[in-house]
Full PDB file with SEQRES, HELIX, SHEET, SSBOND, CRYST1, ORIGX, SCALE, CONECT and MASTER records, all heavy atoms in Angstrom:
SEQRES   1 A   38  SER ARG ASP THR ALA LYS ASN THR MET TYR LEU GLN MET          
SEQRES   2 A   38  ASN SER LEU LYS PRO GLU ASP THR ALA VAL TYR TYR CYS          
SEQRES   3 A   38  ALA LEU ALA PRO TYR TYR TYR SER SER SER PHE TYR              
HELIX    1 AA1 THR A    4  LYS A    6  5                                   3    
HELIX    2 AA2 PRO A   18  ASP A   20  5                                   3    
SHEET    1 AA1 2 ARG A   2  ASP A   3  0                                        
SHEET    2 AA1 2 THR A   8  MET A   9 -1                                        
CRYST1    1.000    1.000    1.000  90.00  90.00  90.00 P 1           1          
ORIGX1      1.000000  0.000000  0.000000        0.00000                         
ORIGX2      0.000000  1.000000  0.000000        0.00000                         
ORIGX3      0.000000  0.000000  1.000000        0.00000                         
SCALE1      1.000000  0.000000  0.000000        0.00000                         
SCALE2      0.000000  1.000000  0.000000        0.00000                         
SCALE3      0.000000  0.000000  1.000000        0.00000                         
ATOM      1  N   SER A   1      -4.284   4.199  -2.741  1.00  0.00           N  
ATOM      2  CA  SER A   1      -5.717   4.623  -2.733  1.00  0.00           C  
ATOM      3  C   SER A   1      -6.550   3.344  -2.368  1.00  0.00           C  
ATOM      4  O   SER A   1      -6.013   2.274  -2.212  1.00  0.00           O  
ATOM      5  CB  SER A   1      -6.134   5.103  -4.066  1.00  0.00           C  
ATOM      6  OG  SER A   1      -6.147   4.120  -5.036  1.00  0.00           O  
ATOM      7  N   ARG A   2      -7.873   3.582  -2.007  1.00  0.00           N  
ATOM      8  CA  ARG A   2      -8.664   2.509  -1.726  1.00  0.00           C  
ATOM      9  C   ARG A   2     -10.093   2.711  -2.253  1.00  0.00           C  
ATOM     10  O   ARG A   2     -10.453   3.953  -2.458  1.00  0.00           O  
ATOM     11  CB  ARG A   2      -8.830   2.128  -0.253  1.00  0.00           C  
ATOM     12  CG  ARG A   2      -9.721   3.013   0.590  1.00  0.00           C  
ATOM     13  CD  ARG A   2      -9.374   4.339   0.777  1.00  0.00           C  
ATOM     14  NE  ARG A   2     -10.142   5.106   1.764  1.00  0.00           N  
ATOM     15  CZ  ARG A   2     -10.774   6.276   1.638  1.00  0.00           C  
ATOM     16  NH1 ARG A   2     -10.597   6.939   0.425  1.00  0.00           N  
ATOM     17  NH2 ARG A   2     -11.410   6.885   2.634  1.00  0.00           N  
ATOM     18  N   ASP A   3     -10.808   1.615  -2.507  1.00  0.00           N  
ATOM     19  CA  ASP A   3     -12.189   1.650  -2.943  1.00  0.00           C  
ATOM     20  C   ASP A   3     -12.968   1.081  -1.799  1.00  0.00           C  
ATOM     21  O   ASP A   3     -12.940  -0.217  -1.667  1.00  0.00           O  
ATOM     22  CB  ASP A   3     -12.426   0.904  -4.171  1.00  0.00           C  
ATOM     23  CG  ASP A   3     -13.840   1.067  -4.748  1.00  0.00           C  
ATOM     24  OD1 ASP A   3     -14.761   1.227  -3.950  1.00  0.00           O  
ATOM     25  OD2 ASP A   3     -13.982   0.856  -6.036  1.00  0.00           O  
ATOM     26  N   THR A   4     -13.631   1.814  -0.923  1.00  0.00           N  
ATOM     27  CA  THR A   4     -14.283   1.322   0.293  1.00  0.00           C  
ATOM     28  C   THR A   4     -15.423   0.320  -0.207  1.00  0.00           C  
ATOM     29  O   THR A   4     -15.710  -0.615   0.642  1.00  0.00           O  
ATOM     30  CB  THR A   4     -14.789   2.497   1.145  1.00  0.00           C  
ATOM     31  OG1 THR A   4     -15.633   3.245   0.364  1.00  0.00           O  
ATOM     32  CG2 THR A   4     -13.598   3.356   1.682  1.00  0.00           C  
ATOM     33  N   ALA A   5     -16.053   0.641  -1.184  1.00  0.00           N  
ATOM     34  CA  ALA A   5     -17.234  -0.286  -1.617  1.00  0.00           C  
ATOM     35  C   ALA A   5     -16.731  -1.649  -2.015  1.00  0.00           C  
ATOM     36  O   ALA A   5     -17.444  -2.672  -1.854  1.00  0.00           O  
ATOM     37  CB  ALA A   5     -17.968   0.362  -2.784  1.00  0.00           C  
ATOM     38  N   LYS A   6     -15.533  -1.702  -2.469  1.00  0.00           N  
ATOM     39  CA  LYS A   6     -14.990  -3.072  -2.892  1.00  0.00           C  
ATOM     40  C   LYS A   6     -13.953  -3.671  -1.939  1.00  0.00           C  
ATOM     41  O   LYS A   6     -13.455  -4.641  -2.172  1.00  0.00           O  
ATOM     42  CB  LYS A   6     -14.309  -2.929  -4.249  1.00  0.00           C  
ATOM     43  CG  LYS A   6     -15.252  -2.489  -5.444  1.00  0.00           C  
ATOM     44  CD  LYS A   6     -14.445  -2.285  -6.688  1.00  0.00           C  
ATOM     45  CE  LYS A   6     -15.432  -2.087  -7.835  1.00  0.00           C  
ATOM     46  NZ  LYS A   6     -14.725  -1.987  -9.154  1.00  0.00           N  
ATOM     47  N   ASN A   7     -13.762  -2.923  -0.844  1.00  0.00           N  
ATOM     48  CA  ASN A   7     -12.691  -3.441   0.196  1.00  0.00           C  
ATOM     49  C   ASN A   7     -11.457  -3.759  -0.589  1.00  0.00           C  
ATOM     50  O   ASN A   7     -10.757  -4.753  -0.185  1.00  0.00           O  
ATOM     51  CB  ASN A   7     -13.226  -4.614   0.852  1.00  0.00           C  
ATOM     52  CG  ASN A   7     -13.892  -4.348   2.178  1.00  0.00           C  
ATOM     53  OD1 ASN A   7     -14.378  -3.277   2.409  1.00  0.00           O  
ATOM     54  ND2 ASN A   7     -13.934  -5.308   3.141  1.00  0.00           N  
ATOM     55  N   THR A   8     -10.958  -2.800  -1.328  1.00  0.00           N  
ATOM     56  CA  THR A   8      -9.826  -3.078  -2.162  1.00  0.00           C  
ATOM     57  C   THR A   8      -8.824  -1.786  -2.143  1.00  0.00           C  
ATOM     58  O   THR A   8      -9.395  -0.669  -2.228  1.00  0.00           O  
ATOM     59  CB  THR A   8     -10.174  -3.405  -3.661  1.00  0.00           C  
ATOM     60  OG1 THR A   8     -11.052  -4.611  -3.759  1.00  0.00           O  
ATOM     61  CG2 THR A   8      -8.937  -3.540  -4.491  1.00  0.00           C  
ATOM     62  N   MET A   9      -7.683  -2.179  -2.018  1.00  0.00           N  
ATOM     63  CA  MET A   9      -6.582  -1.037  -1.937  1.00  0.00           C  
ATOM     64  C   MET A   9      -5.713  -1.220  -3.236  1.00  0.00           C  
ATOM     65  O   MET A   9      -5.602  -2.359  -3.707  1.00  0.00           O  
ATOM     66  CB  MET A   9      -5.683  -1.318  -0.614  1.00  0.00           C  
ATOM     67  CG  MET A   9      -4.570  -0.360  -0.493  1.00  0.00           C  
ATOM     68  SD  MET A   9      -3.575  -0.576   0.993  1.00  0.00           S  
ATOM     69  CE  MET A   9      -2.827  -2.179   0.668  1.00  0.00           C  
ATOM     70  N   TYR A  10      -5.137  -0.016  -3.641  1.00  0.00           N  
ATOM     71  CA  TYR A  10      -4.478  -0.049  -4.837  1.00  0.00           C  
ATOM     72  C   TYR A  10      -3.187   0.703  -4.629  1.00  0.00           C  
ATOM     73  O   TYR A  10      -2.967   1.412  -3.638  1.00  0.00           O  
ATOM     74  CB  TYR A  10      -5.107   0.664  -6.022  1.00  0.00           C  
ATOM     75  CG  TYR A  10      -6.581   0.088  -6.253  1.00  0.00           C  
ATOM     76  CD1 TYR A  10      -7.735   0.607  -5.584  1.00  0.00           C  
ATOM     77  CD2 TYR A  10      -6.665  -0.894  -7.216  1.00  0.00           C  
ATOM     78  CE1 TYR A  10      -8.901   0.081  -5.806  1.00  0.00           C  
ATOM     79  CE2 TYR A  10      -7.923  -1.522  -7.487  1.00  0.00           C  
ATOM     80  CZ  TYR A  10      -9.079  -0.927  -6.804  1.00  0.00           C  
ATOM     81  OH  TYR A  10     -10.293  -1.449  -7.036  1.00  0.00           O  
ATOM     82  N   LEU A  11      -2.161   0.370  -5.458  1.00  0.00           N  
ATOM     83  CA  LEU A  11      -0.939   1.118  -5.423  1.00  0.00           C  
ATOM     84  C   LEU A  11      -0.556   1.473  -6.898  1.00  0.00           C  
ATOM     85  O   LEU A  11      -0.135   0.586  -7.652  1.00  0.00           O  
ATOM     86  CB  LEU A  11       0.303   0.326  -4.822  1.00  0.00           C  
ATOM     87  CG  LEU A  11       1.628   1.078  -4.636  1.00  0.00           C  
ATOM     88  CD1 LEU A  11       1.543   2.217  -3.713  1.00  0.00           C  
ATOM     89  CD2 LEU A  11       2.650   0.105  -4.207  1.00  0.00           C  
ATOM     90  N   GLN A  12      -0.778   2.585  -7.235  1.00  0.00           N  
ATOM     91  CA  GLN A  12      -0.444   3.255  -8.604  1.00  0.00           C  
ATOM     92  C   GLN A  12       1.071   3.496  -8.547  1.00  0.00           C  
ATOM     93  O   GLN A  12       1.524   4.384  -7.865  1.00  0.00           O  
ATOM     94  CB  GLN A  12      -1.216   4.312  -8.944  1.00  0.00           C  
ATOM     95  CG  GLN A  12      -0.942   4.933 -10.429  1.00  0.00           C  
ATOM     96  CD  GLN A  12      -1.293   4.023 -11.424  1.00  0.00           C  
ATOM     97  OE1 GLN A  12      -2.363   3.495 -11.500  1.00  0.00           O  
ATOM     98  NE2 GLN A  12      -0.297   3.687 -12.390  1.00  0.00           N  
ATOM     99  N   MET A  13       1.912   2.758  -9.468  1.00  0.00           N  
ATOM    100  CA  MET A  13       3.268   2.960  -9.363  1.00  0.00           C  
ATOM    101  C   MET A  13       3.717   3.469 -10.806  1.00  0.00           C  
ATOM    102  O   MET A  13       3.539   2.801 -11.786  1.00  0.00           O  
ATOM    103  CB  MET A  13       3.992   1.611  -9.111  1.00  0.00           C  
ATOM    104  CG  MET A  13       3.673   1.032  -7.794  1.00  0.00           C  
ATOM    105  SD  MET A  13       4.641  -0.439  -7.364  1.00  0.00           S  
ATOM    106  CE  MET A  13       4.008  -1.676  -8.639  1.00  0.00           C  
ATOM    107  N   ASN A  14       4.037   4.683 -10.805  1.00  0.00           N  
ATOM    108  CA  ASN A  14       4.516   5.303 -11.957  1.00  0.00           C  
ATOM    109  C   ASN A  14       6.133   5.616 -12.011  1.00  0.00           C  
ATOM    110  O   ASN A  14       6.669   5.580 -10.900  1.00  0.00           O  
ATOM    111  CB  ASN A  14       3.839   6.739 -12.216  1.00  0.00           C  
ATOM    112  CG  ASN A  14       2.442   6.501 -12.422  1.00  0.00           C  
ATOM    113  OD1 ASN A  14       1.990   5.511 -12.936  1.00  0.00           O  
ATOM    114  ND2 ASN A  14       1.620   7.561 -11.895  1.00  0.00           N  
ATOM    115  N   SER A  15       6.630   5.824 -13.205  1.00  0.00           N  
ATOM    116  CA  SER A  15       8.153   6.136 -13.318  1.00  0.00           C  
ATOM    117  C   SER A  15       8.951   5.022 -12.488  1.00  0.00           C  
ATOM    118  O   SER A  15       9.787   5.439 -11.827  1.00  0.00           O  
ATOM    119  CB  SER A  15       8.484   7.502 -12.674  1.00  0.00           C  
ATOM    120  OG  SER A  15       7.685   8.573 -13.355  1.00  0.00           O  
ATOM    121  N   LEU A  16       8.626   3.827 -12.748  1.00  0.00           N  
ATOM    122  CA  LEU A  16       9.252   2.708 -12.034  1.00  0.00           C  
ATOM    123  C   LEU A  16      10.798   2.646 -12.420  1.00  0.00           C  
ATOM    124  O   LEU A  16      11.227   2.890 -13.549  1.00  0.00           O  
ATOM    125  CB  LEU A  16       8.584   1.368 -12.421  1.00  0.00           C  
ATOM    126  CG  LEU A  16       7.341   1.146 -11.761  1.00  0.00           C  
ATOM    127  CD1 LEU A  16       6.460   0.046 -12.314  1.00  0.00           C  
ATOM    128  CD2 LEU A  16       7.599   0.859 -10.199  1.00  0.00           C  
ATOM    129  N   LYS A  17      11.539   2.288 -11.390  1.00  0.00           N  
ATOM    130  CA  LYS A  17      12.984   2.097 -11.490  1.00  0.00           C  
ATOM    131  C   LYS A  17      13.383   0.750 -11.192  1.00  0.00           C  
ATOM    132  O   LYS A  17      12.717   0.036 -10.352  1.00  0.00           O  
ATOM    133  CB  LYS A  17      13.704   3.147 -10.442  1.00  0.00           C  
ATOM    134  CG  LYS A  17      13.307   4.546 -10.622  1.00  0.00           C  
ATOM    135  CD  LYS A  17      13.827   5.298  -9.423  1.00  0.00           C  
ATOM    136  CE  LYS A  17      13.493   6.869  -9.565  1.00  0.00           C  
ATOM    137  NZ  LYS A  17      14.076   7.709  -8.358  1.00  0.00           N  
ATOM    138  N   PRO A  18      14.616   0.225 -11.633  1.00  0.00           N  
ATOM    139  CA  PRO A  18      15.034  -1.091 -11.255  1.00  0.00           C  
ATOM    140  C   PRO A  18      15.059  -1.257  -9.734  1.00  0.00           C  
ATOM    141  O   PRO A  18      14.835  -2.358  -9.391  1.00  0.00           O  
ATOM    142  CB  PRO A  18      16.427  -1.158 -11.916  1.00  0.00           C  
ATOM    143  CG  PRO A  18      16.296  -0.286 -13.125  1.00  0.00           C  
ATOM    144  CD  PRO A  18      15.508   0.987 -12.654  1.00  0.00           C  
ATOM    145  N   GLU A  19      15.309  -0.333  -9.027  1.00  0.00           N  
ATOM    146  CA  GLU A  19      15.404  -0.406  -7.578  1.00  0.00           C  
ATOM    147  C   GLU A  19      14.042  -0.701  -6.995  1.00  0.00           C  
ATOM    148  O   GLU A  19      13.984  -0.913  -5.744  1.00  0.00           O  
ATOM    149  CB  GLU A  19      16.111   0.796  -6.939  1.00  0.00           C  
ATOM    150  CG  GLU A  19      15.248   2.180  -7.218  1.00  0.00           C  
ATOM    151  CD  GLU A  19      16.177   3.372  -6.840  1.00  0.00           C  
ATOM    152  OE1 GLU A  19      16.852   3.745  -7.711  1.00  0.00           O  
ATOM    153  OE2 GLU A  19      15.862   3.970  -5.695  1.00  0.00           O  
ATOM    154  N   ASP A  20      13.074  -0.507  -7.674  1.00  0.00           N  
ATOM    155  CA  ASP A  20      11.685  -0.792  -7.219  1.00  0.00           C  
ATOM    156  C   ASP A  20      11.416  -2.302  -7.243  1.00  0.00           C  
ATOM    157  O   ASP A  20      10.411  -2.846  -6.834  1.00  0.00           O  
ATOM    158  CB  ASP A  20      10.562  -0.037  -8.035  1.00  0.00           C  
ATOM    159  CG  ASP A  20      10.678   1.428  -7.767  1.00  0.00           C  
ATOM    160  OD1 ASP A  20      10.805   1.934  -6.585  1.00  0.00           O  
ATOM    161  OD2 ASP A  20      10.499   2.170  -8.726  1.00  0.00           O  
ATOM    162  N   THR A  21      12.278  -3.034  -7.831  1.00  0.00           N  
ATOM    163  CA  THR A  21      12.082  -4.518  -7.995  1.00  0.00           C  
ATOM    164  C   THR A  21      12.085  -5.221  -6.711  1.00  0.00           C  
ATOM    165  O   THR A  21      12.943  -5.029  -5.938  1.00  0.00           O  
ATOM    166  CB  THR A  21      13.115  -5.127  -8.913  1.00  0.00           C  
ATOM    167  OG1 THR A  21      13.049  -4.611 -10.253  1.00  0.00           O  
ATOM    168  CG2 THR A  21      13.006  -6.611  -8.873  1.00  0.00           C  
ATOM    169  N   ALA A  22      10.954  -5.865  -6.409  1.00  0.00           N  
ATOM    170  CA  ALA A  22      10.774  -6.567  -5.110  1.00  0.00           C  
ATOM    171  C   ALA A  22       9.443  -7.254  -5.046  1.00  0.00           C  
ATOM    172  O   ALA A  22       8.644  -7.128  -6.106  1.00  0.00           O  
ATOM    173  CB  ALA A  22      10.671  -5.459  -3.965  1.00  0.00           C  
ATOM    174  N   VAL A  23       9.157  -8.053  -4.056  1.00  0.00           N  
ATOM    175  CA  VAL A  23       7.857  -8.641  -3.826  1.00  0.00           C  
ATOM    176  C   VAL A  23       7.235  -7.587  -3.054  1.00  0.00           C  
ATOM    177  O   VAL A  23       7.578  -7.105  -1.942  1.00  0.00           O  
ATOM    178  CB  VAL A  23       7.937  -9.982  -3.117  1.00  0.00           C  
ATOM    179  CG1 VAL A  23       6.606 -10.411  -2.727  1.00  0.00           C  
ATOM    180  CG2 VAL A  23       8.714 -10.989  -3.892  1.00  0.00           C  
ATOM    181  N   TYR A  24       5.914  -7.201  -3.502  1.00  0.00           N  
ATOM    182  CA  TYR A  24       5.216  -6.231  -2.775  1.00  0.00           C  
ATOM    183  C   TYR A  24       4.046  -6.924  -1.975  1.00  0.00           C  
ATOM    184  O   TYR A  24       3.332  -7.862  -2.553  1.00  0.00           O  
ATOM    185  CB  TYR A  24       4.513  -5.343  -3.768  1.00  0.00           C  
ATOM    186  CG  TYR A  24       5.534  -4.259  -4.293  1.00  0.00           C  
ATOM    187  CD1 TYR A  24       6.557  -4.610  -5.122  1.00  0.00           C  
ATOM    188  CD2 TYR A  24       5.440  -2.862  -3.872  1.00  0.00           C  
ATOM    189  CE1 TYR A  24       7.472  -3.725  -5.439  1.00  0.00           C  
ATOM    190  CE2 TYR A  24       6.315  -1.989  -4.363  1.00  0.00           C  
ATOM    191  CZ  TYR A  24       7.426  -2.359  -5.109  1.00  0.00           C  
ATOM    192  OH  TYR A  24       8.254  -1.508  -5.575  1.00  0.00           O  
ATOM    193  N   TYR A  25       3.948  -6.575  -0.641  1.00  0.00           N  
ATOM    194  CA  TYR A  25       2.995  -7.207   0.197  1.00  0.00           C  
ATOM    195  C   TYR A  25       1.985  -6.110   0.639  1.00  0.00           C  
ATOM    196  O   TYR A  25       2.399  -5.004   1.083  1.00  0.00           O  
ATOM    197  CB  TYR A  25       3.678  -7.698   1.441  1.00  0.00           C  
ATOM    198  CG  TYR A  25       4.691  -8.850   1.172  1.00  0.00           C  
ATOM    199  CD1 TYR A  25       6.000  -8.573   0.924  1.00  0.00           C  
ATOM    200  CD2 TYR A  25       4.105 -10.151   1.059  1.00  0.00           C  
ATOM    201  CE1 TYR A  25       6.938  -9.607   0.664  1.00  0.00           C  
ATOM    202  CE2 TYR A  25       5.107 -11.235   0.923  1.00  0.00           C  
ATOM    203  CZ  TYR A  25       6.331 -10.960   0.657  1.00  0.00           C  
ATOM    204  OH  TYR A  25       7.295 -11.877   0.374  1.00  0.00           O  
ATOM    205  N   CYS A  26       0.661  -6.394   0.674  1.00  0.00           N  
ATOM    206  CA  CYS A  26      -0.289  -5.567   1.395  1.00  0.00           C  
ATOM    207  C   CYS A  26      -0.455  -6.106   2.811  1.00  0.00           C  
ATOM    208  O   CYS A  26      -0.337  -7.304   3.032  1.00  0.00           O  
ATOM    209  CB  CYS A  26      -1.645  -5.554   0.668  1.00  0.00           C  
ATOM    210  SG  CYS A  26      -2.494  -7.131   0.424  1.00  0.00           S  
ATOM    211  N   ALA A  27      -0.870  -5.189   3.656  1.00  0.00           N  
ATOM    212  CA  ALA A  27      -0.951  -5.489   5.073  1.00  0.00           C  
ATOM    213  C   ALA A  27      -2.166  -4.685   5.714  1.00  0.00           C  
ATOM    214  O   ALA A  27      -2.414  -3.652   5.234  1.00  0.00           O  
ATOM    215  CB  ALA A  27       0.370  -5.191   5.812  1.00  0.00           C  
ATOM    216  N   LEU A  28      -2.709  -5.315   6.808  1.00  0.00           N  
ATOM    217  CA  LEU A  28      -3.817  -4.744   7.421  1.00  0.00           C  
ATOM    218  C   LEU A  28      -3.554  -4.644   8.894  1.00  0.00           C  
ATOM    219  O   LEU A  28      -3.177  -5.524   9.523  1.00  0.00           O  
ATOM    220  CB  LEU A  28      -5.068  -5.596   7.159  1.00  0.00           C  
ATOM    221  CG  LEU A  28      -6.375  -5.298   7.968  1.00  0.00           C  
ATOM    222  CD1 LEU A  28      -6.943  -3.800   7.536  1.00  0.00           C  
ATOM    223  CD2 LEU A  28      -7.451  -6.290   7.859  1.00  0.00           C  
ATOM    224  N   ALA A  29      -3.793  -3.440   9.456  1.00  0.00           N  
ATOM    225  CA  ALA A  29      -3.527  -3.195  10.896  1.00  0.00           C  
ATOM    226  C   ALA A  29      -5.014  -2.759  11.534  1.00  0.00           C  
ATOM    227  O   ALA A  29      -5.856  -2.213  10.814  1.00  0.00           O  
ATOM    228  CB  ALA A  29      -2.661  -2.020  11.176  1.00  0.00           C  
ATOM    229  N   PRO A  30      -5.218  -3.123  12.816  1.00  0.00           N  
ATOM    230  CA  PRO A  30      -6.584  -2.844  13.401  1.00  0.00           C  
ATOM    231  C   PRO A  30      -6.870  -1.451  13.856  1.00  0.00           C  
ATOM    232  O   PRO A  30      -8.019  -1.232  13.996  1.00  0.00           O  
ATOM    233  CB  PRO A  30      -6.533  -3.654  14.611  1.00  0.00           C  
ATOM    234  CG  PRO A  30      -5.092  -3.826  14.979  1.00  0.00           C  
ATOM    235  CD  PRO A  30      -4.360  -3.820  13.683  1.00  0.00           C  
ATOM    236  N   TYR A  31      -5.906  -0.508  13.804  1.00  0.00           N  
ATOM    237  CA  TYR A  31      -6.061   0.782  14.241  1.00  0.00           C  
ATOM    238  C   TYR A  31      -5.412   1.785  13.301  1.00  0.00           C  
ATOM    239  O   TYR A  31      -4.492   1.443  12.505  1.00  0.00           O  
ATOM    240  CB  TYR A  31      -5.581   1.002  15.590  1.00  0.00           C  
ATOM    241  CG  TYR A  31      -6.099   0.017  16.612  1.00  0.00           C  
ATOM    242  CD1 TYR A  31      -5.191  -0.962  17.143  1.00  0.00           C  
ATOM    243  CD2 TYR A  31      -7.344   0.048  17.059  1.00  0.00           C  
ATOM    244  CE1 TYR A  31      -5.768  -1.822  18.186  1.00  0.00           C  
ATOM    245  CE2 TYR A  31      -7.921  -0.752  18.025  1.00  0.00           C  
ATOM    246  CZ  TYR A  31      -7.027  -1.778  18.481  1.00  0.00           C  
ATOM    247  OH  TYR A  31      -7.543  -2.597  19.455  1.00  0.00           O  
ATOM    248  N   TYR A  32      -5.786   3.026  13.428  1.00  0.00           N  
ATOM    249  CA  TYR A  32      -5.043   4.078  12.747  1.00  0.00           C  
ATOM    250  C   TYR A  32      -3.747   4.270  13.477  1.00  0.00           C  
ATOM    251  O   TYR A  32      -3.678   4.132  14.639  1.00  0.00           O  
ATOM    252  CB  TYR A  32      -5.868   5.399  12.767  1.00  0.00           C  
ATOM    253  CG  TYR A  32      -7.123   5.499  12.030  1.00  0.00           C  
ATOM    254  CD1 TYR A  32      -8.331   6.225  12.573  1.00  0.00           C  
ATOM    255  CD2 TYR A  32      -7.275   4.906  10.820  1.00  0.00           C  
ATOM    256  CE1 TYR A  32      -9.412   6.266  11.860  1.00  0.00           C  
ATOM    257  CE2 TYR A  32      -8.470   5.093  10.034  1.00  0.00           C  
ATOM    258  CZ  TYR A  32      -9.449   5.761  10.612  1.00  0.00           C  
ATOM    259  OH  TYR A  32     -10.647   5.838   9.843  1.00  0.00           O  
ATOM    260  N   TYR A  33      -2.771   4.515  12.651  1.00  0.00           N  
ATOM    261  CA  TYR A  33      -1.403   4.836  13.260  1.00  0.00           C  
ATOM    262  C   TYR A  33      -0.874   6.068  12.563  1.00  0.00           C  
ATOM    263  O   TYR A  33      -0.880   6.233  11.353  1.00  0.00           O  
ATOM    264  CB  TYR A  33      -0.399   3.701  12.959  1.00  0.00           C  
ATOM    265  CG  TYR A  33      -0.751   2.507  13.741  1.00  0.00           C  
ATOM    266  CD1 TYR A  33      -1.336   1.382  13.043  1.00  0.00           C  
ATOM    267  CD2 TYR A  33      -0.423   2.423  15.154  1.00  0.00           C  
ATOM    268  CE1 TYR A  33      -1.624   0.284  13.861  1.00  0.00           C  
ATOM    269  CE2 TYR A  33      -0.689   1.197  15.708  1.00  0.00           C  
ATOM    270  CZ  TYR A  33      -1.257   0.157  15.231  1.00  0.00           C  
ATOM    271  OH  TYR A  33      -1.554  -0.932  15.804  1.00  0.00           O  
ATOM    272  N   SER A  34      -0.527   7.060  13.405  1.00  0.00           N  
ATOM    273  CA  SER A  34      -0.042   8.425  13.002  1.00  0.00           C  
ATOM    274  C   SER A  34       1.515   8.456  12.766  1.00  0.00           C  
ATOM    275  O   SER A  34       1.944   9.260  12.095  1.00  0.00           O  
ATOM    276  CB  SER A  34      -0.492   9.463  13.855  1.00  0.00           C  
ATOM    277  OG  SER A  34      -1.911   9.469  14.002  1.00  0.00           O  
ATOM    278  N   SER A  35       2.220   7.592  13.611  1.00  0.00           N  
ATOM    279  CA  SER A  35       3.646   7.691  13.607  1.00  0.00           C  
ATOM    280  C   SER A  35       4.421   6.337  13.521  1.00  0.00           C  
ATOM    281  O   SER A  35       5.501   6.293  13.368  1.00  0.00           O  
ATOM    282  CB  SER A  35       4.081   8.451  14.790  1.00  0.00           C  
ATOM    283  OG  SER A  35       3.762   7.815  16.034  1.00  0.00           O  
ATOM    284  N   SER A  36       3.618   5.348  13.595  1.00  0.00           N  
ATOM    285  CA  SER A  36       4.201   3.994  13.667  1.00  0.00           C  
ATOM    286  C   SER A  36       3.610   2.994  12.573  1.00  0.00           C  
ATOM    287  O   SER A  36       3.762   1.813  12.618  1.00  0.00           O  
ATOM    288  CB  SER A  36       4.067   3.229  14.980  1.00  0.00           C  
ATOM    289  OG  SER A  36       2.734   3.193  15.335  1.00  0.00           O  
ATOM    290  N   PHE A  37       3.164   3.593  11.481  1.00  0.00           N  
ATOM    291  CA  PHE A  37       2.626   2.892  10.347  1.00  0.00           C  
ATOM    292  C   PHE A  37       3.688   2.169   9.565  1.00  0.00           C  
ATOM    293  O   PHE A  37       3.263   1.322   8.764  1.00  0.00           O  
ATOM    294  CB  PHE A  37       1.801   3.801   9.431  1.00  0.00           C  
ATOM    295  CG  PHE A  37       2.534   5.074   9.186  1.00  0.00           C  
ATOM    296  CD1 PHE A  37       3.460   5.084   8.141  1.00  0.00           C  
ATOM    297  CD2 PHE A  37       2.335   6.319   9.801  1.00  0.00           C  
ATOM    298  CE1 PHE A  37       4.328   6.308   7.876  1.00  0.00           C  
ATOM    299  CE2 PHE A  37       3.003   7.416   9.566  1.00  0.00           C  
ATOM    300  CZ  PHE A  37       3.964   7.442   8.621  1.00  0.00           C  
ATOM    301  N   TYR A  38       4.831   2.490   9.791  1.00  0.00           N  
ATOM    302  CA  TYR A  38       6.060   1.875   9.049  1.00  0.00           C  
ATOM    303  C   TYR A  38       6.469   0.635   9.689  1.00  0.00           C  
ATOM    304  O   TYR A  38       7.317  -0.011   9.038  1.00  0.00           O  
ATOM    305  CB  TYR A  38       7.198   2.864   8.867  1.00  0.00           C  
ATOM    306  CG  TYR A  38       7.667   3.426  10.284  1.00  0.00           C  
ATOM    307  CD1 TYR A  38       8.564   2.548  10.970  1.00  0.00           C  
ATOM    308  CD2 TYR A  38       7.054   4.516  10.886  1.00  0.00           C  
ATOM    309  CE1 TYR A  38       9.126   3.081  12.183  1.00  0.00           C  
ATOM    310  CE2 TYR A  38       7.592   4.893  12.165  1.00  0.00           C  
ATOM    311  CZ  TYR A  38       8.604   4.182  12.765  1.00  0.00           C  
ATOM    312  OH  TYR A  38       8.964   4.621  14.082  1.00  0.00           O  
TER     313      TYR A  38                                                      
MASTER        0    0    0    2    2    0    0    6  312    1    0    3          
END                                                                             
């Protein structure tokens, strides 16, 4: 999700599993992507 007024993005992570262990990075792209966002 995002709060546009605060220019802040969030990731609510529930039911976490050990396989979710990682360094999590946020990233910004200049355009909308419909199929190559990954």
